[in-house]
Amino acid sequence: MSTNGNAEDLGTVFARLSEQAGKADEYLDLARRAKADFINYQQRVARDKQDWSRQTLEGFVRELLNALDGFAMAKFDDPKLLDAMRVVEKEFLRVLAKNDITPIEVAGKPFDPNFHEAVGADPGGSVLEEVRRGWMIGDRVLRASAVRIIKPAAQP
């Protein structure tokens, strides 16, 4: 009888251990999912924060660029005042470059609607003149250059 009782006890113990092992696996799976969800949440929050920062910076810089355009259009009779304005403009450009904000080069380049906004001619030729400076922030266009372009010569 004692042997039979031990066998039943071992079977019962084994069943309970199997049940507890199943629950432990279930809880471990829940913990892993919660950890993965939390990591995804952290990554999403970091991306959202980065996007918000970028959008805020771009909005601020767009407004600043309008003020900077005034330097290019300003005409001064007093050479000392002109020199002072050029120093201020140079400092603006230095700060922008430090933040990876650079002007778009347009002179003599073929027209590219990704970087240029045509004013005064049909797209398709080369840039004749920059009307308003365009800017890049990193590798993205912040503001397209407004340009006048030369129409391509007619093919014979």
C-alpha atoms as a PDB file:
ATOM      1  CA  MET A   1       0.000   0.000   0.000  1.00  0.00           C
ATOM      2  CA  SER A   2       2.741   2.409   0.787  1.00  0.00           C
ATOM      3  CA  THR A   3       4.265   1.905  -2.630  1.00  0.00           C
ATOM      4  CA  ASN A   4       0.963   2.558  -4.302  1.00  0.00           C
ATOM      5  CA  GLY A   5       0.400   5.646  -2.166  1.00  0.00           C
ATOM      6  CA  ASN A   6       3.824   7.041  -3.107  1.00  0.00           C
ATOM      7  CA  ALA A   7       3.107   6.488  -6.771  1.00  0.00           C
ATOM      8  CA  GLU A   8      -0.119   8.433  -6.496  1.00  0.00           C
ATOM      9  CA  ASP A   9       1.604  11.137  -4.543  1.00  0.00           C
ATOM     10  CA  LEU A  10       4.353  11.432  -7.150  1.00  0.00           C
ATOM     11  CA  GLY A  11       1.752  11.557  -9.936  1.00  0.00           C
ATOM     12  CA  THR A  12      -0.141  14.293  -8.112  1.00  0.00           C
ATOM     13  CA  VAL A  13       3.056  16.208  -7.420  1.00  0.00           C
ATOM     14  CA  PHE A  14       4.133  15.846 -11.046  1.00  0.00           C
ATOM     15  CA  ALA A  15       0.717  17.085 -12.251  1.00  0.00           C
ATOM     16  CA  ARG A  16       0.887  20.099  -9.959  1.00  0.00           C
ATOM     17  CA  LEU A  17       4.450  20.846 -11.051  1.00  0.00           C
ATOM     18  CA  SER A  18       3.448  20.578 -14.712  1.00  0.00           C
ATOM     19  CA  GLU A  19       0.535  22.933 -14.095  1.00  0.00           C
ATOM     20  CA  GLN A  20       2.785  25.395 -12.275  1.00  0.00           C
ATOM     21  CA  ALA A  21       5.405  25.153 -15.022  1.00  0.00           C
ATOM     22  CA  GLY A  22       2.688  25.953 -17.583  1.00  0.00           C
ATOM     23  CA  LYS A  23       1.621  28.983 -15.544  1.00  0.00           C
ATOM     24  CA  ALA A  24       5.263  30.063 -15.170  1.00  0.00           C
ATOM     25  CA  ASP A  25       5.694  29.838 -18.962  1.00  0.00           C
ATOM     26  CA  GLU A  26       2.509  31.861 -19.409  1.00  0.00           C
ATOM     27  CA  TYR A  27       3.728  34.544 -16.994  1.00  0.00           C
ATOM     28  CA  LEU A  28       7.146  34.587 -18.650  1.00  0.00           C
ATOM     29  CA  ASP A  29       5.477  35.053 -22.029  1.00  0.00           C
ATOM     30  CA  LEU A  30       3.363  37.925 -20.613  1.00  0.00           C
ATOM     31  CA  ALA A  31       6.493  39.538 -19.145  1.00  0.00           C
ATOM     32  CA  ARG A  32       8.322  39.262 -22.463  1.00  0.00           C
ATOM     33  CA  ARG A  33       5.373  40.815 -24.301  1.00  0.00           C
ATOM     34  CA  ALA A  34       5.144  43.634 -21.756  1.00  0.00           C
ATOM     35  CA  LYS A  35       8.881  44.262 -22.136  1.00  0.00           C
ATOM     36  CA  ALA A  36       8.584  44.330 -25.948  1.00  0.00           C
ATOM     37  CA  ASP A  37       5.583  46.663 -25.736  1.00  0.00           C
ATOM     38  CA  PHE A  38       7.512  48.974 -23.416  1.00  0.00           C
ATOM     39  CA  ILE A  39      10.554  49.021 -25.726  1.00  0.00           C
ATOM     40  CA  ASN A  40       8.275  49.824 -28.690  1.00  0.00           C
ATOM     41  CA  TYR A  41       6.645  52.595 -26.627  1.00  0.00           C
ATOM     42  CA  GLN A  42      10.048  54.067 -25.764  1.00  0.00           C
ATOM     43  CA  GLN A  43      11.102  54.008 -29.422  1.00  0.00           C
ATOM     44  CA  ARG A  44       7.810  55.603 -30.528  1.00  0.00           C
ATOM     45  CA  VAL A  45       8.152  58.355 -27.906  1.00  0.00           C
ATOM     46  CA  ALA A  46      11.760  59.005 -28.980  1.00  0.00           C
ATOM     47  CA  ARG A  47      10.677  59.207 -32.665  1.00  0.00           C
ATOM     48  CA  ASP A  48       7.775  61.518 -31.800  1.00  0.00           C
ATOM     49  CA  LYS A  49      10.095  63.741 -29.757  1.00  0.00           C
ATOM     50  CA  GLN A  50      12.604  63.855 -32.611  1.00  0.00           C
ATOM     51  CA  ASP A  51       9.849  64.670 -35.134  1.00  0.00           C
ATOM     52  CA  TRP A  52       8.454  67.398 -32.893  1.00  0.00           C
ATOM     53  CA  SER A  53      11.919  68.910 -32.400  1.00  0.00           C
ATOM     54  CA  ARG A  54      12.601  68.808 -36.151  1.00  0.00           C
ATOM     55  CA  GLN A  55       9.246  70.417 -36.989  1.00  0.00           C
ATOM     56  CA  THR A  56       9.775  73.126 -34.377  1.00  0.00           C
ATOM     57  CA  LEU A  57      13.278  73.855 -35.669  1.00  0.00           C
ATOM     58  CA  GLU A  58      12.133  73.910 -39.297  1.00  0.00           C
ATOM     59  CA  GLY A  59       9.282  76.307 -38.501  1.00  0.00           C
ATOM     60  CA  PHE A  60      11.629  78.635 -36.639  1.00  0.00           C
ATOM     61  CA  VAL A  61      14.283  78.526 -39.347  1.00  0.00           C
ATOM     62  CA  ARG A  62      11.732  79.213 -42.129  1.00  0.00           C
ATOM     63  CA  GLU A  63      10.755  82.429 -40.348  1.00  0.00           C
ATOM     64  CA  LEU A  64      14.405  83.307 -39.779  1.00  0.00           C
ATOM     65  CA  LEU A  65      15.177  82.759 -43.476  1.00  0.00           C
ATOM     66  CA  ASN A  66      12.665  85.438 -44.413  1.00  0.00           C
ATOM     67  CA  ALA A  67      14.607  87.895 -42.247  1.00  0.00           C
ATOM     68  CA  LEU A  68      17.882  86.671 -43.727  1.00  0.00           C
ATOM     69  CA  ASP A  69      16.511  87.321 -47.231  1.00  0.00           C
ATOM     70  CA  GLY A  70      16.452  90.999 -46.254  1.00  0.00           C
ATOM     71  CA  PHE A  71      20.240  91.027 -46.045  1.00  0.00           C
ATOM     72  CA  ALA A  72      20.523  89.937 -49.677  1.00  0.00           C
ATOM     73  CA  MET A  73      18.083  92.616 -50.819  1.00  0.00           C
ATOM     74  CA  ALA A  74      19.383  95.439 -48.638  1.00  0.00           C
ATOM     75  CA  LYS A  75      21.048  98.369 -50.388  1.00  0.00           C
ATOM     76  CA  PHE A  76      23.067 100.813 -48.289  1.00  0.00           C
ATOM     77  CA  ASP A  77      24.825 103.999 -49.322  1.00  0.00           C
ATOM     78  CA  ASP A  78      27.000 104.012 -46.196  1.00  0.00           C
ATOM     79  CA  PRO A  79      29.873 101.521 -46.666  1.00  0.00           C
ATOM     80  CA  LYS A  80      30.341 101.170 -42.870  1.00  0.00           C
ATOM     81  CA  LEU A  81      26.692 100.220 -42.449  1.00  0.00           C
ATOM     82  CA  LEU A  82      26.962  97.787 -45.356  1.00  0.00           C
ATOM     83  CA  ASP A  83      30.044  96.192 -43.782  1.00  0.00           C
ATOM     84  CA  ALA A  84      28.268  95.879 -40.429  1.00  0.00           C
ATOM     85  CA  MET A  85      25.256  94.233 -42.069  1.00  0.00           C
ATOM     86  CA  ARG A  86      27.532  91.783 -43.888  1.00  0.00           C
ATOM     87  CA  VAL A  87      29.160  90.831 -40.559  1.00  0.00           C
ATOM     88  CA  VAL A  88      25.719  90.126 -39.056  1.00  0.00           C
ATOM     89  CA  GLU A  89      24.704  88.158 -42.164  1.00  0.00           C
ATOM     90  CA  LYS A  90      27.932  86.141 -41.977  1.00  0.00           C
ATOM     91  CA  GLU A  91      27.186  85.279 -38.335  1.00  0.00           C
ATOM     92  CA  PHE A  92      23.656  84.156 -39.256  1.00  0.00           C
ATOM     93  CA  LEU A  93      25.104  81.933 -41.975  1.00  0.00           C
ATOM     94  CA  ARG A  94      27.690  80.493 -39.560  1.00  0.00           C
ATOM     95  CA  VAL A  95      25.021  79.565 -36.994  1.00  0.00           C
ATOM     96  CA  LEU A  96      22.833  77.990 -39.681  1.00  0.00           C
ATOM     97  CA  ALA A  97      25.768  75.960 -41.057  1.00  0.00           C
ATOM     98  CA  LYS A  98      26.654  74.824 -37.525  1.00  0.00           C
ATOM     99  CA  ASN A  99      23.142  73.343 -37.352  1.00  0.00           C
ATOM    100  CA  ASP A 100      23.485  71.619 -40.753  1.00  0.00           C
ATOM    101  CA  ILE A 101      21.318  74.216 -42.512  1.00  0.00           C
ATOM    102  CA  THR A 102      22.957  75.121 -45.817  1.00  0.00           C
ATOM    103  CA  PRO A 103      22.002  77.089 -48.917  1.00  0.00           C
ATOM    104  CA  ILE A 104      21.102  75.221 -52.084  1.00  0.00           C
ATOM    105  CA  GLU A 105      23.618  75.833 -54.855  1.00  0.00           C
ATOM    106  CA  VAL A 106      21.812  76.825 -58.057  1.00  0.00           C
ATOM    107  CA  ALA A 107      24.108  78.766 -60.376  1.00  0.00           C
ATOM    108  CA  GLY A 108      24.463  76.974 -63.712  1.00  0.00           C
ATOM    109  CA  LYS A 109      22.722  73.843 -62.428  1.00  0.00           C
ATOM    110  CA  PRO A 110      20.018  72.102 -64.439  1.00  0.00           C
ATOM    111  CA  PHE A 111      16.510  72.836 -63.208  1.00  0.00           C
ATOM    112  CA  ASP A 112      15.386  70.273 -60.620  1.00  0.00           C
ATOM    113  CA  PRO A 113      11.849  70.645 -59.225  1.00  0.00           C
ATOM    114  CA  ASN A 114      12.990  68.844 -56.062  1.00  0.00           C
ATOM    115  CA  PHE A 115      15.242  71.801 -55.222  1.00  0.00           C
ATOM    116  CA  HIS A 116      13.990  74.670 -57.397  1.00  0.00           C
ATOM    117  CA  GLU A 117      10.770  76.587 -57.818  1.00  0.00           C
ATOM    118  CA  ALA A 118      10.593  78.052 -61.322  1.00  0.00           C
ATOM    119  CA  VAL A 119       9.482  81.663 -61.611  1.00  0.00           C
ATOM    120  CA  GLY A 120       9.346  83.332 -65.004  1.00  0.00           C
ATOM    121  CA  ALA A 121       9.989  80.509 -67.472  1.00  0.00           C
ATOM    122  CA  ASP A 122       8.929  76.984 -68.372  1.00  0.00           C
ATOM    123  CA  PRO A 123      10.716  74.268 -66.389  1.00  0.00           C
ATOM    124  CA  GLY A 124      13.213  72.154 -68.231  1.00  0.00           C
ATOM    125  CA  GLY A 125      16.274  74.339 -68.790  1.00  0.00           C
ATOM    126  CA  SER A 126      19.152  75.517 -66.646  1.00  0.00           C
ATOM    127  CA  VAL A 127      19.110  78.015 -63.827  1.00  0.00           C
ATOM    128  CA  LEU A 128      19.743  81.579 -65.033  1.00  0.00           C
ATOM    129  CA  GLU A 129      19.299  83.473 -61.787  1.00  0.00           C
ATOM    130  CA  GLU A 130      18.425  82.836 -58.165  1.00  0.00           C
ATOM    131  CA  VAL A 131      15.493  85.013 -57.104  1.00  0.00           C
ATOM    132  CA  ARG A 132      15.280  83.680 -53.534  1.00  0.00           C
ATOM    133  CA  ARG A 133      17.856  81.454 -51.871  1.00  0.00           C
ATOM    134  CA  GLY A 134      16.798  77.898 -51.085  1.00  0.00           C
ATOM    135  CA  TRP A 135      17.938  75.999 -48.027  1.00  0.00           C
ATOM    136  CA  MET A 136      18.611  72.416 -46.969  1.00  0.00           C
ATOM    137  CA  ILE A 137      18.422  71.016 -43.463  1.00  0.00           C
ATOM    138  CA  GLY A 138      20.642  67.981 -43.537  1.00  0.00           C
ATOM    139  CA  ASP A 139      19.712  66.138 -46.718  1.00  0.00           C
ATOM    140  CA  ARG A 140      16.129  67.492 -46.920  1.00  0.00           C
ATOM    141  CA  VAL A 141      14.920  70.631 -48.676  1.00  0.00           C
ATOM    142  CA  LEU A 142      13.761  73.179 -46.124  1.00  0.00           C
ATOM    143  CA  ARG A 143      12.809  75.786 -48.710  1.00  0.00           C
ATOM    144  CA  ALA A 144      13.215  75.409 -52.480  1.00  0.00           C
ATOM    145  CA  SER A 145      15.229  78.019 -54.360  1.00  0.00           C
ATOM    146  CA  ALA A 146      13.102  80.397 -56.416  1.00  0.00           C
ATOM    147  CA  VAL A 147      14.907  80.620 -59.762  1.00  0.00           C
ATOM    148  CA  ARG A 148      14.553  81.996 -63.244  1.00  0.00           C
ATOM    149  CA  ILE A 149      15.599  79.493 -65.828  1.00  0.00           C
ATOM    150  CA  ILE A 150      16.796  79.522 -69.403  1.00  0.00           C
ATOM    151  CA  LYS A 151      14.569  77.564 -71.726  1.00  0.00           C
ATOM    152  CA  PRO A 152      16.479  74.839 -73.526  1.00  0.00           C
ATOM    153  CA  ALA A 153      17.430  75.684 -77.095  1.00  0.00           C
ATOM    154  CA  ALA A 154      15.019  74.308 -79.668  1.00  0.00           C
ATOM    155  CA  GLN A 155      16.290  71.114 -81.270  1.00  0.00           C
ATOM    156  CA  PRO A 156      16.634  71.331 -85.084  1.00  0.00           C
END
